[in-house]
Amino acid sequence: MSESQDIHIRPEAPADVPHIHRIIEAAFAGKPYADGDEQDLVDTLRNLGALTLSLVAERDGEIIGHIAFSPAFTAASGQSWFALGPVAVQPAMQGMGVGALLIVSGLDRLRENEADGCILTGDPGYYERFGFAVSPAHAPAEEPAEFFMVKLLNAGQMPTATIHFHSAFHDEPQ
């Protein structure tokens, strides 16, 4: 995005919450791969204290994008894994690199905090550019294995078993 120097990535603030909700809702509206409740998932993670990292993309004082990271779980003790998602960009700004800026910034912050790795369920054609790899062997039963992806951070160890998203991803919103 040629205007990326005008975009500031920062942690969410309490006043951002209604804007984040609207951006996520608009970004996923009518998408065939969306459940339509992505904004509720982020609210639920926040309410449960499980929104580990929540970043916004801001341009000229307006929030134009958001990314969420929450804890992910594996049987291996002592490992620190996180789930990426959702990432949402205001529809008028999609395809301009805002989502990529959010992803790179979020992964950098996880790395700085010594995370072992990150998971997501998404389009391999998009997420492979960020170092994610399809990993059916690690996919929980409730996720489509062909879209389940992992990325090691900080030379972490790849778990030998399934990596799970926070229960909020598969439970009804609170």
N, C-alpha and C. Protein backbone atom coordinates (compact mmCIF):
# COMPACT_ATOMS: atom_id res chain seq x y z
N MET A 1 0.85 -1.17 0.00
CA MET A 1 0.00 0.00 0.00
C MET A 1 0.89 1.23 0.00
N SER A 2 0.76 2.07 -0.96
CA SER A 2 1.61 3.24 -1.05
C SER A 2 1.37 4.22 0.08
N GLU A 3 0.19 4.16 0.69
CA GLU A 3 -0.11 5.07 1.78
C GLU A 3 0.17 4.46 3.15
N SER A 4 0.88 3.31 3.20
CA SER A 4 1.08 2.62 4.47
C SER A 4 1.76 3.49 5.51
N GLN A 5 2.56 4.46 5.06
CA GLN A 5 3.21 5.33 6.03
C GLN A 5 2.18 6.18 6.76
N ASP A 6 0.96 6.32 6.24
CA ASP A 6 -0.10 7.08 6.88
C ASP A 6 -0.90 6.23 7.86
N ILE A 7 -0.62 4.95 7.93
CA ILE A 7 -1.38 4.05 8.79
C ILE A 7 -0.58 3.74 10.04
N HIS A 8 -1.25 3.90 11.15
CA HIS A 8 -0.63 3.66 12.46
C HIS A 8 -1.29 2.42 13.07
N ILE A 9 -0.48 1.44 13.48
CA ILE A 9 -0.96 0.23 14.13
C ILE A 9 -0.72 0.40 15.62
N ARG A 10 -1.77 0.22 16.40
CA ARG A 10 -1.66 0.40 17.85
C ARG A 10 -2.61 -0.55 18.57
N PRO A 11 -2.37 -0.78 19.87
CA PRO A 11 -3.30 -1.60 20.65
C PRO A 11 -4.66 -0.91 20.74
N GLU A 12 -5.71 -1.72 20.82
CA GLU A 12 -7.03 -1.14 20.98
C GLU A 12 -7.14 -0.39 22.30
N ALA A 13 -7.98 0.62 22.31
CA ALA A 13 -8.33 1.37 23.52
C ALA A 13 -9.81 1.14 23.79
N PRO A 14 -10.26 1.34 25.04
CA PRO A 14 -11.68 1.10 25.34
C PRO A 14 -12.64 1.84 24.41
N ALA A 15 -12.31 3.05 24.02
CA ALA A 15 -13.19 3.82 23.14
C ALA A 15 -13.28 3.22 21.73
N ASP A 16 -12.36 2.33 21.38
CA ASP A 16 -12.34 1.72 20.05
C ASP A 16 -13.34 0.58 19.89
N VAL A 17 -13.80 0.01 20.99
CA VAL A 17 -14.59 -1.22 20.95
C VAL A 17 -15.80 -1.13 20.02
N PRO A 18 -16.65 -0.09 20.08
CA PRO A 18 -17.78 -0.07 19.15
C PRO A 18 -17.35 0.05 17.69
N HIS A 19 -16.26 0.77 17.42
CA HIS A 19 -15.75 0.90 16.05
C HIS A 19 -15.23 -0.44 15.55
N ILE A 20 -14.53 -1.17 16.41
CA ILE A 20 -14.01 -2.49 16.05
C ILE A 20 -15.17 -3.42 15.69
N HIS A 21 -16.20 -3.42 16.52
CA HIS A 21 -17.37 -4.26 16.28
C HIS A 21 -17.96 -3.98 14.90
N ARG A 22 -18.14 -2.72 14.57
CA ARG A 22 -18.74 -2.34 13.27
C ARG A 22 -17.84 -2.71 12.10
N ILE A 23 -16.52 -2.52 12.25
CA ILE A 23 -15.60 -2.86 11.16
C ILE A 23 -15.61 -4.35 10.88
N ILE A 24 -15.56 -5.15 11.94
CA ILE A 24 -15.57 -6.61 11.75
C ILE A 24 -16.89 -7.03 11.09
N GLU A 25 -17.99 -6.51 11.57
CA GLU A 25 -19.30 -6.85 11.00
C GLU A 25 -19.36 -6.49 9.51
N ALA A 26 -18.90 -5.30 9.16
CA ALA A 26 -18.93 -4.85 7.76
C ALA A 26 -17.97 -5.66 6.89
N ALA A 27 -16.79 -5.98 7.43
CA ALA A 27 -15.78 -6.70 6.65
C ALA A 27 -16.24 -8.11 6.28
N PHE A 28 -17.01 -8.75 7.14
CA PHE A 28 -17.42 -10.13 6.90
C PHE A 28 -18.84 -10.27 6.36
N ALA A 29 -19.57 -9.16 6.25
CA ALA A 29 -20.97 -9.21 5.80
C ALA A 29 -21.08 -9.85 4.42
N GLY A 30 -21.90 -10.88 4.33
CA GLY A 30 -22.17 -11.52 3.05
C GLY A 30 -21.07 -12.38 2.49
N LYS A 31 -19.99 -12.58 3.23
CA LYS A 31 -18.89 -13.42 2.74
C LYS A 31 -19.27 -14.89 2.88
N PRO A 32 -19.07 -15.69 1.85
CA PRO A 32 -19.50 -17.10 1.91
C PRO A 32 -18.73 -17.92 2.94
N TYR A 33 -17.55 -17.48 3.33
CA TYR A 33 -16.75 -18.22 4.31
C TYR A 33 -16.98 -17.73 5.74
N ALA A 34 -17.85 -16.74 5.93
CA ALA A 34 -18.06 -16.15 7.25
C ALA A 34 -19.35 -16.67 7.88
N ASP A 35 -19.33 -16.77 9.20
CA ASP A 35 -20.52 -17.18 9.93
C ASP A 35 -21.41 -15.98 10.26
N GLY A 36 -20.88 -14.78 10.15
CA GLY A 36 -21.64 -13.58 10.48
C GLY A 36 -21.58 -13.19 11.93
N ASP A 37 -20.82 -13.97 12.71
CA ASP A 37 -20.71 -13.67 14.14
C ASP A 37 -19.28 -13.34 14.57
N GLU A 38 -18.44 -13.00 13.61
CA GLU A 38 -17.03 -12.74 13.91
C GLU A 38 -16.87 -11.59 14.91
N GLN A 39 -17.69 -10.56 14.79
CA GLN A 39 -17.63 -9.43 15.73
C GLN A 39 -18.04 -9.87 17.13
N ASP A 40 -19.00 -10.80 17.22
CA ASP A 40 -19.41 -11.31 18.52
C ASP A 40 -18.32 -12.16 19.16
N LEU A 41 -17.59 -12.90 18.33
CA LEU A 41 -16.47 -13.69 18.84
C LEU A 41 -15.43 -12.79 19.50
N VAL A 42 -15.07 -11.69 18.84
CA VAL A 42 -14.08 -10.78 19.42
C VAL A 42 -14.61 -10.18 20.73
N ASP A 43 -15.89 -9.81 20.75
CA ASP A 43 -16.48 -9.28 21.99
C ASP A 43 -16.44 -10.33 23.10
N THR A 44 -16.75 -11.58 22.75
CA THR A 44 -16.72 -12.66 23.74
C THR A 44 -15.31 -12.89 24.26
N LEU A 45 -14.34 -12.95 23.36
CA LEU A 45 -12.94 -13.12 23.80
C LEU A 45 -12.54 -11.99 24.74
N ARG A 46 -12.91 -10.76 24.39
CA ARG A 46 -12.59 -9.60 25.23
C ARG A 46 -13.25 -9.75 26.61
N ASN A 47 -14.54 -10.11 26.62
CA ASN A 47 -15.27 -10.25 27.88
C ASN A 47 -14.73 -11.36 28.77
N LEU A 48 -14.16 -12.40 28.15
CA LEU A 48 -13.59 -13.52 28.90
C LEU A 48 -12.13 -13.26 29.31
N GLY A 49 -11.59 -12.12 28.92
CA GLY A 49 -10.18 -11.84 29.22
C GLY A 49 -9.25 -12.66 28.35
N ALA A 50 -9.73 -13.12 27.20
CA ALA A 50 -8.94 -14.00 26.33
C ALA A 50 -8.52 -13.31 25.03
N LEU A 51 -8.66 -12.01 24.98
CA LEU A 51 -8.20 -11.26 23.81
C LEU A 51 -6.77 -10.81 24.15
N THR A 52 -5.82 -11.69 23.87
CA THR A 52 -4.43 -11.50 24.26
C THR A 52 -3.83 -10.26 23.62
N LEU A 53 -4.10 -10.09 22.35
CA LEU A 53 -3.56 -8.95 21.60
C LEU A 53 -4.64 -8.49 20.64
N SER A 54 -4.98 -7.22 20.73
CA SER A 54 -6.02 -6.64 19.88
C SER A 54 -5.45 -5.33 19.33
N LEU A 55 -5.20 -5.32 18.03
CA LEU A 55 -4.58 -4.16 17.39
C LEU A 55 -5.55 -3.52 16.40
N VAL A 56 -5.45 -2.21 16.28
CA VAL A 56 -6.23 -1.49 15.28
C VAL A 56 -5.29 -0.79 14.32
N ALA A 57 -5.77 -0.64 13.10
CA ALA A 57 -5.09 0.17 12.09
C ALA A 57 -5.86 1.48 12.03
N GLU A 58 -5.12 2.57 12.17
CA GLU A 58 -5.73 3.89 12.22
C GLU A 58 -5.13 4.76 11.13
N ARG A 59 -6.01 5.50 10.46
CA ARG A 59 -5.56 6.42 9.42
C ARG A 59 -6.33 7.72 9.59
N ASP A 60 -5.61 8.81 9.73
CA ASP A 60 -6.23 10.13 9.93
C ASP A 60 -7.25 10.11 11.06
N GLY A 61 -6.90 9.42 12.15
CA GLY A 61 -7.76 9.37 13.33
C GLY A 61 -8.95 8.43 13.22
N GLU A 62 -9.08 7.71 12.11
CA GLU A 62 -10.19 6.78 11.91
C GLU A 62 -9.68 5.35 11.93
N ILE A 63 -10.37 4.49 12.65
CA ILE A 63 -10.01 3.07 12.69
C ILE A 63 -10.50 2.43 11.40
N ILE A 64 -9.57 1.80 10.69
CA ILE A 64 -9.90 1.19 9.39
C ILE A 64 -9.68 -0.33 9.38
N GLY A 65 -9.11 -0.87 10.45
CA GLY A 65 -8.86 -2.30 10.49
C GLY A 65 -8.61 -2.79 11.91
N HIS A 66 -8.70 -4.10 12.07
CA HIS A 66 -8.52 -4.72 13.39
C HIS A 66 -8.00 -6.14 13.21
N ILE A 67 -7.21 -6.57 14.19
CA ILE A 67 -6.77 -7.97 14.25
C ILE A 67 -6.81 -8.43 15.70
N ALA A 68 -7.21 -9.69 15.88
CA ALA A 68 -7.30 -10.28 17.21
C ALA A 68 -6.39 -11.49 17.31
N PHE A 69 -5.77 -11.64 18.47
CA PHE A 69 -5.00 -12.83 18.81
C PHE A 69 -5.50 -13.31 20.17
N SER A 70 -5.70 -14.61 20.30
CA SER A 70 -6.17 -15.21 21.55
C SER A 70 -5.33 -16.44 21.85
N PRO A 71 -5.40 -16.93 23.08
CA PRO A 71 -4.61 -18.11 23.43
C PRO A 71 -5.02 -19.34 22.62
N ALA A 72 -4.05 -20.15 22.27
CA ALA A 72 -4.28 -21.45 21.66
C ALA A 72 -3.67 -22.49 22.59
N PHE A 73 -4.17 -23.70 22.52
CA PHE A 73 -3.80 -24.70 23.52
C PHE A 73 -3.31 -25.99 22.87
N THR A 74 -2.25 -26.53 23.46
CA THR A 74 -1.68 -27.80 23.02
C THR A 74 -1.36 -28.63 24.26
N ALA A 75 -1.23 -29.93 24.08
CA ALA A 75 -0.93 -30.81 25.21
C ALA A 75 0.47 -30.59 25.76
N ALA A 76 1.35 -30.00 24.97
CA ALA A 76 2.73 -29.77 25.43
C ALA A 76 2.73 -28.66 26.48
N SER A 77 3.23 -28.97 27.64
CA SER A 77 3.26 -27.97 28.71
C SER A 77 4.40 -26.98 28.46
N GLY A 78 4.20 -25.79 28.94
CA GLY A 78 5.23 -24.78 28.85
C GLY A 78 5.32 -24.08 27.50
N GLN A 79 4.42 -24.40 26.58
CA GLN A 79 4.45 -23.72 25.29
C GLN A 79 3.43 -22.60 25.26
N SER A 80 3.76 -21.57 24.51
CA SER A 80 2.93 -20.38 24.40
C SER A 80 2.49 -20.20 22.94
N TRP A 81 1.27 -20.65 22.66
CA TRP A 81 0.72 -20.58 21.31
C TRP A 81 -0.47 -19.64 21.28
N PHE A 82 -0.69 -19.02 20.13
CA PHE A 82 -1.78 -18.06 19.97
C PHE A 82 -2.50 -18.32 18.66
N ALA A 83 -3.76 -17.89 18.61
CA ALA A 83 -4.57 -17.99 17.41
C ALA A 83 -4.76 -16.60 16.82
N LEU A 84 -4.57 -16.49 15.53
CA LEU A 84 -4.81 -15.25 14.80
C LEU A 84 -6.23 -15.29 14.27
N GLY A 85 -6.97 -14.26 14.51
CA GLY A 85 -8.28 -14.13 13.88
C GLY A 85 -9.37 -13.70 14.82
N PRO A 86 -10.28 -12.99 14.27
CA PRO A 86 -10.30 -12.56 12.87
C PRO A 86 -9.44 -11.33 12.63
N VAL A 87 -9.13 -11.13 11.36
CA VAL A 87 -8.52 -9.89 10.89
C VAL A 87 -9.55 -9.26 9.96
N ALA A 88 -9.82 -7.98 10.17
CA ALA A 88 -10.88 -7.31 9.41
C ALA A 88 -10.43 -5.92 8.99
N VAL A 89 -10.82 -5.54 7.78
CA VAL A 89 -10.50 -4.22 7.25
C VAL A 89 -11.79 -3.62 6.69
N GLN A 90 -11.97 -2.35 6.95
CA GLN A 90 -13.11 -1.63 6.42
C GLN A 90 -13.25 -1.93 4.92
N PRO A 91 -14.44 -2.28 4.44
CA PRO A 91 -14.57 -2.70 3.05
C PRO A 91 -13.94 -1.76 2.03
N ALA A 92 -14.05 -0.47 2.20
CA ALA A 92 -13.47 0.48 1.23
C ALA A 92 -11.95 0.44 1.21
N MET A 93 -11.33 -0.13 2.24
CA MET A 93 -9.86 -0.17 2.35
C MET A 93 -9.30 -1.56 2.08
N GLN A 94 -10.15 -2.54 1.79
CA GLN A 94 -9.68 -3.90 1.54
C GLN A 94 -8.87 -3.95 0.25
N GLY A 95 -7.87 -4.83 0.25
CA GLY A 95 -7.03 -5.00 -0.92
C GLY A 95 -5.93 -3.96 -1.05
N MET A 96 -5.73 -3.17 -0.01
CA MET A 96 -4.73 -2.10 -0.04
C MET A 96 -3.56 -2.34 0.91
N GLY A 97 -3.50 -3.53 1.51
CA GLY A 97 -2.37 -3.88 2.36
C GLY A 97 -2.58 -3.63 3.85
N VAL A 98 -3.74 -3.16 4.25
CA VAL A 98 -4.00 -2.88 5.66
C VAL A 98 -3.97 -4.17 6.47
N GLY A 99 -4.63 -5.21 5.96
CA GLY A 99 -4.62 -6.50 6.67
C GLY A 99 -3.22 -7.04 6.83
N ALA A 100 -2.40 -6.93 5.80
CA ALA A 100 -1.01 -7.40 5.88
C ALA A 100 -0.24 -6.63 6.95
N LEU A 101 -0.45 -5.32 7.03
CA LEU A 101 0.22 -4.53 8.07
C LEU A 101 -0.18 -5.00 9.46
N LEU A 102 -1.46 -5.28 9.64
CA LEU A 102 -1.94 -5.77 10.93
C LEU A 102 -1.34 -7.13 11.27
N ILE A 103 -1.29 -8.04 10.29
CA ILE A 103 -0.75 -9.38 10.53
C ILE A 103 0.73 -9.31 10.89
N VAL A 104 1.51 -8.58 10.12
CA VAL A 104 2.95 -8.48 10.38
C VAL A 104 3.19 -7.84 11.75
N SER A 105 2.47 -6.78 12.05
CA SER A 105 2.65 -6.11 13.35
C SER A 105 2.28 -7.05 14.50
N GLY A 106 1.17 -7.77 14.35
CA GLY A 106 0.76 -8.69 15.40
C GLY A 106 1.75 -9.82 15.61
N LEU A 107 2.23 -10.41 14.52
CA LEU A 107 3.21 -11.49 14.65
C LEU A 107 4.51 -10.98 15.26
N ASP A 108 4.92 -9.77 14.90
CA ASP A 108 6.12 -9.18 15.50
C ASP A 108 5.95 -9.03 17.00
N ARG A 109 4.79 -8.57 17.43
CA ARG A 109 4.54 -8.39 18.87
C ARG A 109 4.50 -9.73 19.60
N LEU A 110 3.93 -10.75 18.98
CA LEU A 110 3.95 -12.08 19.60
C LEU A 110 5.39 -12.57 19.74
N ARG A 111 6.17 -12.38 18.70
CA ARG A 111 7.58 -12.79 18.72
C ARG A 111 8.32 -12.06 19.85
N GLU A 112 8.08 -10.75 19.99
CA GLU A 112 8.72 -9.97 21.05
C GLU A 112 8.35 -10.49 22.44
N ASN A 113 7.16 -11.06 22.56
CA ASN A 113 6.70 -11.62 23.83
C ASN A 113 7.02 -13.10 23.97
N GLU A 114 7.92 -13.58 23.11
CA GLU A 114 8.46 -14.93 23.17
C GLU A 114 7.41 -16.03 22.99
N ALA A 115 6.43 -15.76 22.14
CA ALA A 115 5.45 -16.80 21.80
C ALA A 115 6.14 -17.90 21.01
N ASP A 116 5.68 -19.13 21.19
CA ASP A 116 6.24 -20.26 20.45
C ASP A 116 5.67 -20.37 19.05
N GLY A 117 4.39 -20.02 18.89
CA GLY A 117 3.79 -20.16 17.58
C GLY A 117 2.41 -19.58 17.50
N CYS A 118 1.86 -19.63 16.29
CA CYS A 118 0.56 -19.06 16.01
C CYS A 118 -0.20 -20.00 15.06
N ILE A 119 -1.51 -20.08 15.26
CA ILE A 119 -2.37 -20.89 14.40
C ILE A 119 -3.46 -20.01 13.80
N LEU A 120 -4.07 -20.51 12.74
CA LEU A 120 -5.25 -19.88 12.16
C LEU A 120 -5.91 -20.87 11.23
N THR A 121 -7.14 -20.58 10.90
CA THR A 121 -7.83 -21.31 9.84
C THR A 121 -8.12 -20.28 8.77
N GLY A 122 -7.56 -20.49 7.59
CA GLY A 122 -7.72 -19.49 6.54
C GLY A 122 -7.22 -19.96 5.19
N ASP A 123 -7.20 -19.05 4.26
CA ASP A 123 -6.81 -19.30 2.87
C ASP A 123 -5.29 -19.48 2.78
N PRO A 124 -4.82 -20.69 2.48
CA PRO A 124 -3.37 -20.90 2.37
C PRO A 124 -2.72 -19.96 1.35
N GLY A 125 -3.41 -19.67 0.28
CA GLY A 125 -2.85 -18.78 -0.74
C GLY A 125 -2.54 -17.39 -0.22
N TYR A 126 -3.25 -16.96 0.80
CA TYR A 126 -3.01 -15.64 1.40
C TYR A 126 -1.99 -15.74 2.54
N TYR A 127 -2.19 -16.68 3.47
CA TYR A 127 -1.39 -16.70 4.70
C TYR A 127 -0.01 -17.31 4.54
N GLU A 128 0.25 -18.06 3.47
CA GLU A 128 1.60 -18.61 3.27
C GLU A 128 2.63 -17.50 3.13
N ARG A 129 2.24 -16.34 2.61
CA ARG A 129 3.19 -15.22 2.46
C ARG A 129 3.71 -14.70 3.80
N PHE A 130 3.00 -15.04 4.89
CA PHE A 130 3.42 -14.62 6.23
C PHE A 130 4.14 -15.75 6.97
N GLY A 131 4.42 -16.84 6.25
CA GLY A 131 5.16 -17.95 6.85
C GLY A 131 4.31 -19.04 7.46
N PHE A 132 2.99 -18.97 7.29
CA PHE A 132 2.12 -20.02 7.79
C PHE A 132 2.15 -21.20 6.82
N ALA A 133 1.97 -22.40 7.35
CA ALA A 133 1.94 -23.61 6.52
C ALA A 133 0.74 -24.45 6.93
N VAL A 134 0.08 -25.05 5.95
CA VAL A 134 -1.03 -25.94 6.23
C VAL A 134 -0.51 -27.11 7.05
N SER A 135 -1.25 -27.47 8.10
CA SER A 135 -0.81 -28.53 9.00
C SER A 135 -2.00 -29.37 9.46
N PRO A 136 -2.49 -30.25 8.60
CA PRO A 136 -3.65 -31.08 8.97
C PRO A 136 -3.42 -31.91 10.23
N ALA A 137 -2.19 -32.31 10.47
CA ALA A 137 -1.89 -33.13 11.65
C ALA A 137 -2.15 -32.40 12.96
N HIS A 138 -2.16 -31.09 12.93
CA HIS A 138 -2.39 -30.30 14.14
C HIS A 138 -3.81 -29.76 14.25
N ALA A 139 -4.64 -30.01 13.24
CA ALA A 139 -5.98 -29.43 13.19
C ALA A 139 -6.93 -30.12 14.17
N PRO A 140 -7.64 -29.31 14.96
CA PRO A 140 -8.68 -29.91 15.82
C PRO A 140 -9.83 -30.41 14.95
N ALA A 141 -10.60 -31.35 15.48
CA ALA A 141 -11.67 -32.00 14.71
C ALA A 141 -12.69 -31.00 14.18
N GLU A 142 -12.92 -29.90 14.87
CA GLU A 142 -13.95 -28.94 14.45
C GLU A 142 -13.47 -27.95 13.39
N GLU A 143 -12.23 -28.06 12.97
CA GLU A 143 -11.68 -27.16 11.94
C GLU A 143 -11.41 -27.92 10.65
N PRO A 144 -11.58 -27.26 9.50
CA PRO A 144 -11.27 -27.93 8.22
C PRO A 144 -9.74 -28.08 8.08
N ALA A 145 -9.28 -29.31 8.10
CA ALA A 145 -7.84 -29.59 8.13
C ALA A 145 -7.09 -28.96 6.96
N GLU A 146 -7.73 -28.85 5.79
CA GLU A 146 -7.05 -28.30 4.62
C GLU A 146 -6.81 -26.79 4.71
N PHE A 147 -7.41 -26.15 5.71
CA PHE A 147 -7.24 -24.71 5.90
C PHE A 147 -6.61 -24.36 7.25
N PHE A 148 -6.26 -25.38 8.04
CA PHE A 148 -5.65 -25.15 9.35
C PHE A 148 -4.16 -24.93 9.15
N MET A 149 -3.67 -23.80 9.65
CA MET A 149 -2.28 -23.40 9.39
C MET A 149 -1.55 -23.08 10.69
N VAL A 150 -0.24 -23.30 10.68
CA VAL A 150 0.62 -23.01 11.83
C VAL A 150 1.84 -22.22 11.39
N LYS A 151 2.39 -21.50 12.34
CA LYS A 151 3.64 -20.77 12.12
C LYS A 151 4.43 -20.82 13.42
N LEU A 152 5.65 -21.32 13.34
CA LEU A 152 6.54 -21.29 14.50
C LEU A 152 7.12 -19.89 14.64
N LEU A 153 7.26 -19.46 15.88
CA LEU A 153 7.87 -18.18 16.20
C LEU A 153 9.04 -18.43 17.16
N ASN A 154 10.06 -17.64 17.10
CA ASN A 154 11.17 -17.73 18.05
C ASN A 154 11.79 -19.11 18.14
N ALA A 155 11.89 -19.81 17.03
CA ALA A 155 12.49 -21.15 17.01
C ALA A 155 11.82 -22.08 18.01
N GLY A 156 10.51 -21.90 18.19
CA GLY A 156 9.76 -22.76 19.09
C GLY A 156 9.70 -24.19 18.58
N GLN A 157 9.24 -25.07 19.42
CA GLN A 157 9.09 -26.48 19.06
C GLN A 157 7.69 -26.72 18.53
N MET A 158 7.58 -27.44 17.43
CA MET A 158 6.28 -27.80 16.90
C MET A 158 5.66 -28.86 17.80
N PRO A 159 4.45 -28.63 18.28
CA PRO A 159 3.79 -29.66 19.11
C PRO A 159 3.59 -30.94 18.30
N THR A 160 3.48 -32.05 19.00
CA THR A 160 3.28 -33.32 18.32
C THR A 160 1.80 -33.67 18.23
N ALA A 161 0.93 -32.88 18.86
CA ALA A 161 -0.50 -33.18 18.87
C ALA A 161 -1.30 -31.97 18.36
N THR A 162 -2.58 -32.10 18.47
CA THR A 162 -3.53 -31.07 18.04
C THR A 162 -3.30 -29.76 18.78
N ILE A 163 -3.53 -28.66 18.08
CA ILE A 163 -3.50 -27.33 18.69
C ILE A 163 -4.91 -26.78 18.60
N HIS A 164 -5.45 -26.35 19.73
CA HIS A 164 -6.84 -25.93 19.81
C HIS A 164 -7.00 -24.42 19.95
N PHE A 165 -8.05 -23.90 19.33
CA PHE A 165 -8.45 -22.51 19.55
C PHE A 165 -9.10 -22.39 20.92
N HIS A 166 -9.20 -21.17 21.42
CA HIS A 166 -9.93 -20.91 22.66
C HIS A 166 -11.36 -21.43 22.48
N SER A 167 -11.97 -21.90 23.55
CA SER A 167 -13.32 -22.47 23.47
C SER A 167 -14.35 -21.48 22.94
N ALA A 168 -14.11 -20.19 23.04
CA ALA A 168 -15.05 -19.18 22.53
C ALA A 168 -15.25 -19.31 21.01
N PHE A 169 -14.30 -19.89 20.32
CA PHE A 169 -14.42 -20.05 18.87
C PHE A 169 -15.52 -21.04 18.49
N HIS A 170 -15.86 -21.95 19.42
CA HIS A 170 -16.82 -22.99 19.07
C HIS A 170 -18.01 -23.04 20.02
N ASP A 171 -18.02 -22.18 21.01
CA ASP A 171 -19.16 -22.10 21.92
C ASP A 171 -20.06 -20.96 21.48
N GLU A 172 -21.29 -20.99 21.93
CA GLU A 172 -22.20 -19.87 21.68
C GLU A 172 -21.69 -18.66 22.47
N PRO A 173 -21.85 -17.45 21.90
CA PRO A 173 -21.41 -16.25 22.64
C PRO A 173 -22.07 -16.16 23.99
N GLN A 174 -21.32 -15.66 24.95
CA GLN A 174 -21.81 -15.54 26.33
C GLN A 174 -22.85 -14.45 26.45
